[in-house]
Amino acid sequence: MINDLMEDFGYDSSRFEIAWVSSAEPDKFAAAVTKMTNRIKQLGPINSQDAELA
């Protein structure tokens, strides 16, 4: 649902992800954060002028 909303507003839905990580899994948490950080860096900044207004 959130991905659909992001696309409706003109944003790339790959800018959102939910990762289920237990507090007992610090390595999994670090990997999820690193993966998302790399993805956002690759996508670059959001240009609000390119996004559609609701």
N, C-alpha and C. Protein backbone atom coordinates (compact mmCIF):
# COMPACT_ATOMS: atom_id res chain seq x y z
N MET A 1 0.81 -1.19 0.00
CA MET A 1 0.00 0.00 0.00
C MET A 1 0.87 1.27 0.00
N ILE A 2 1.90 1.26 0.82
CA ILE A 2 2.77 2.44 0.85
C ILE A 2 3.49 2.62 -0.48
N ASN A 3 3.91 1.50 -1.09
CA ASN A 3 4.57 1.60 -2.39
C ASN A 3 3.64 2.22 -3.42
N ASP A 4 2.37 1.83 -3.40
CA ASP A 4 1.40 2.41 -4.33
C ASP A 4 1.23 3.91 -4.10
N LEU A 5 1.16 4.30 -2.84
CA LEU A 5 1.03 5.73 -2.52
C LEU A 5 2.24 6.51 -2.99
N MET A 6 3.42 5.96 -2.78
CA MET A 6 4.63 6.65 -3.22
C MET A 6 4.61 6.85 -4.73
N GLU A 7 4.23 5.81 -5.46
CA GLU A 7 4.17 5.92 -6.91
C GLU A 7 3.09 6.91 -7.35
N ASP A 8 1.95 6.92 -6.62
CA ASP A 8 0.90 7.89 -6.94
C ASP A 8 1.40 9.33 -6.80
N PHE A 9 2.29 9.58 -5.86
CA PHE A 9 2.84 10.92 -5.65
C PHE A 9 4.09 11.18 -6.49
N GLY A 10 4.49 10.20 -7.31
CA GLY A 10 5.59 10.42 -8.23
C GLY A 10 6.95 10.04 -7.70
N TYR A 11 7.00 9.30 -6.60
CA TYR A 11 8.27 8.88 -6.03
C TYR A 11 8.55 7.42 -6.37
N ASP A 12 9.80 7.09 -6.50
CA ASP A 12 10.22 5.72 -6.76
C ASP A 12 9.91 4.85 -5.53
N SER A 13 9.14 3.81 -5.72
CA SER A 13 8.73 2.97 -4.59
C SER A 13 9.89 2.21 -3.96
N SER A 14 11.02 2.14 -4.65
CA SER A 14 12.17 1.44 -4.06
C SER A 14 12.84 2.27 -2.97
N ARG A 15 12.33 3.47 -2.70
CA ARG A 15 12.84 4.28 -1.60
C ARG A 15 12.26 3.85 -0.26
N PHE A 16 11.37 2.86 -0.27
CA PHE A 16 10.74 2.38 0.96
C PHE A 16 10.91 0.87 1.07
N GLU A 17 11.27 0.43 2.26
CA GLU A 17 11.38 -1.00 2.52
C GLU A 17 11.20 -1.25 4.01
N ILE A 18 10.53 -2.32 4.33
CA ILE A 18 10.41 -2.74 5.73
C ILE A 18 11.24 -3.99 5.91
N ALA A 19 12.07 -3.99 6.92
CA ALA A 19 12.90 -5.17 7.24
C ALA A 19 12.56 -5.61 8.65
N TRP A 20 12.21 -6.87 8.80
CA TRP A 20 11.90 -7.42 10.11
C TRP A 20 13.20 -7.89 10.73
N VAL A 21 13.61 -7.23 11.81
CA VAL A 21 14.88 -7.54 12.45
C VAL A 21 14.67 -7.57 13.96
N SER A 22 15.11 -8.64 14.57
CA SER A 22 15.03 -8.78 16.02
C SER A 22 16.18 -8.01 16.67
N SER A 23 15.98 -7.61 17.91
CA SER A 23 17.06 -6.94 18.63
C SER A 23 18.25 -7.88 18.88
N ALA A 24 18.03 -9.16 18.69
CA ALA A 24 19.10 -10.14 18.85
C ALA A 24 19.86 -10.38 17.55
N GLU A 25 19.56 -9.59 16.51
CA GLU A 25 20.20 -9.77 15.20
C GLU A 25 20.90 -8.48 14.73
N PRO A 26 21.92 -8.06 15.42
CA PRO A 26 22.57 -6.79 15.03
C PRO A 26 23.20 -6.85 13.64
N ASP A 27 23.71 -8.00 13.25
CA ASP A 27 24.31 -8.11 11.91
C ASP A 27 23.26 -7.96 10.81
N LYS A 28 22.09 -8.53 11.05
CA LYS A 28 21.00 -8.41 10.08
C LYS A 28 20.54 -6.96 9.98
N PHE A 29 20.47 -6.27 11.12
CA PHE A 29 20.10 -4.86 11.12
C PHE A 29 21.11 -4.02 10.35
N ALA A 30 22.38 -4.25 10.61
CA ALA A 30 23.43 -3.50 9.92
C ALA A 30 23.38 -3.76 8.41
N ALA A 31 23.11 -4.99 8.02
CA ALA A 31 23.03 -5.32 6.60
C ALA A 31 21.83 -4.62 5.95
N ALA A 32 20.69 -4.58 6.65
CA ALA A 32 19.50 -3.92 6.11
C ALA A 32 19.73 -2.42 5.93
N VAL A 33 20.37 -1.80 6.92
CA VAL A 33 20.64 -0.36 6.84
C VAL A 33 21.64 -0.07 5.72
N THR A 34 22.66 -0.88 5.61
CA THR A 34 23.66 -0.70 4.56
C THR A 34 23.03 -0.86 3.18
N LYS A 35 22.19 -1.88 3.02
CA LYS A 35 21.52 -2.12 1.74
C LYS A 35 20.66 -0.93 1.35
N MET A 36 19.88 -0.41 2.30
CA MET A 36 18.99 0.71 2.00
C MET A 36 19.79 1.99 1.74
N THR A 37 20.84 2.21 2.51
CA THR A 37 21.70 3.38 2.29
C THR A 37 22.31 3.36 0.90
N ASN A 38 22.80 2.21 0.48
CA ASN A 38 23.38 2.10 -0.86
C ASN A 38 22.34 2.33 -1.94
N ARG A 39 21.13 1.81 -1.72
CA ARG A 39 20.06 2.00 -2.71
C ARG A 39 19.71 3.48 -2.83
N ILE A 40 19.57 4.18 -1.70
CA ILE A 40 19.22 5.59 -1.74
C ILE A 40 20.32 6.42 -2.39
N LYS A 41 21.58 6.09 -2.09
CA LYS A 41 22.69 6.79 -2.74
C LYS A 41 22.66 6.59 -4.25
N GLN A 42 22.31 5.38 -4.67
CA GLN A 42 22.25 5.08 -6.10
C GLN A 42 21.10 5.84 -6.77
N LEU A 43 19.98 5.97 -6.08
CA LEU A 43 18.83 6.68 -6.64
C LEU A 43 19.05 8.19 -6.68
N GLY A 44 19.84 8.69 -5.76
CA GLY A 44 20.12 10.12 -5.71
C GLY A 44 19.04 10.88 -4.97
N PRO A 45 19.20 12.19 -4.88
CA PRO A 45 18.24 13.00 -4.13
C PRO A 45 16.88 13.05 -4.82
N ILE A 46 15.88 13.32 -4.02
CA ILE A 46 14.52 13.46 -4.55
C ILE A 46 14.39 14.87 -5.10
N ASN A 47 13.94 14.97 -6.32
CA ASN A 47 13.66 16.27 -6.92
C ASN A 47 12.17 16.51 -6.79
N SER A 48 11.77 17.32 -5.84
CA SER A 48 10.34 17.52 -5.57
C SER A 48 9.62 18.13 -6.76
N GLN A 49 10.32 18.76 -7.66
CA GLN A 49 9.68 19.32 -8.84
C GLN A 49 9.23 18.21 -9.79
N ASP A 50 9.92 17.06 -9.74
CA ASP A 50 9.55 15.94 -10.60
C ASP A 50 8.39 15.14 -10.03
N ALA A 51 8.16 15.23 -8.74
CA ALA A 51 7.08 14.49 -8.10
C ALA A 51 5.75 15.18 -8.38
N GLU A 52 4.73 14.37 -8.59
CA GLU A 52 3.40 14.92 -8.84
C GLU A 52 2.76 15.36 -7.53
N LEU A 53 1.98 16.39 -7.60
CA LEU A 53 1.23 16.83 -6.43
C LEU A 53 -0.11 16.12 -6.40
N ALA A 54 -0.56 15.80 -5.21
CA ALA A 54 -1.85 15.08 -5.08
C ALA A 54 -2.99 15.99 -5.45
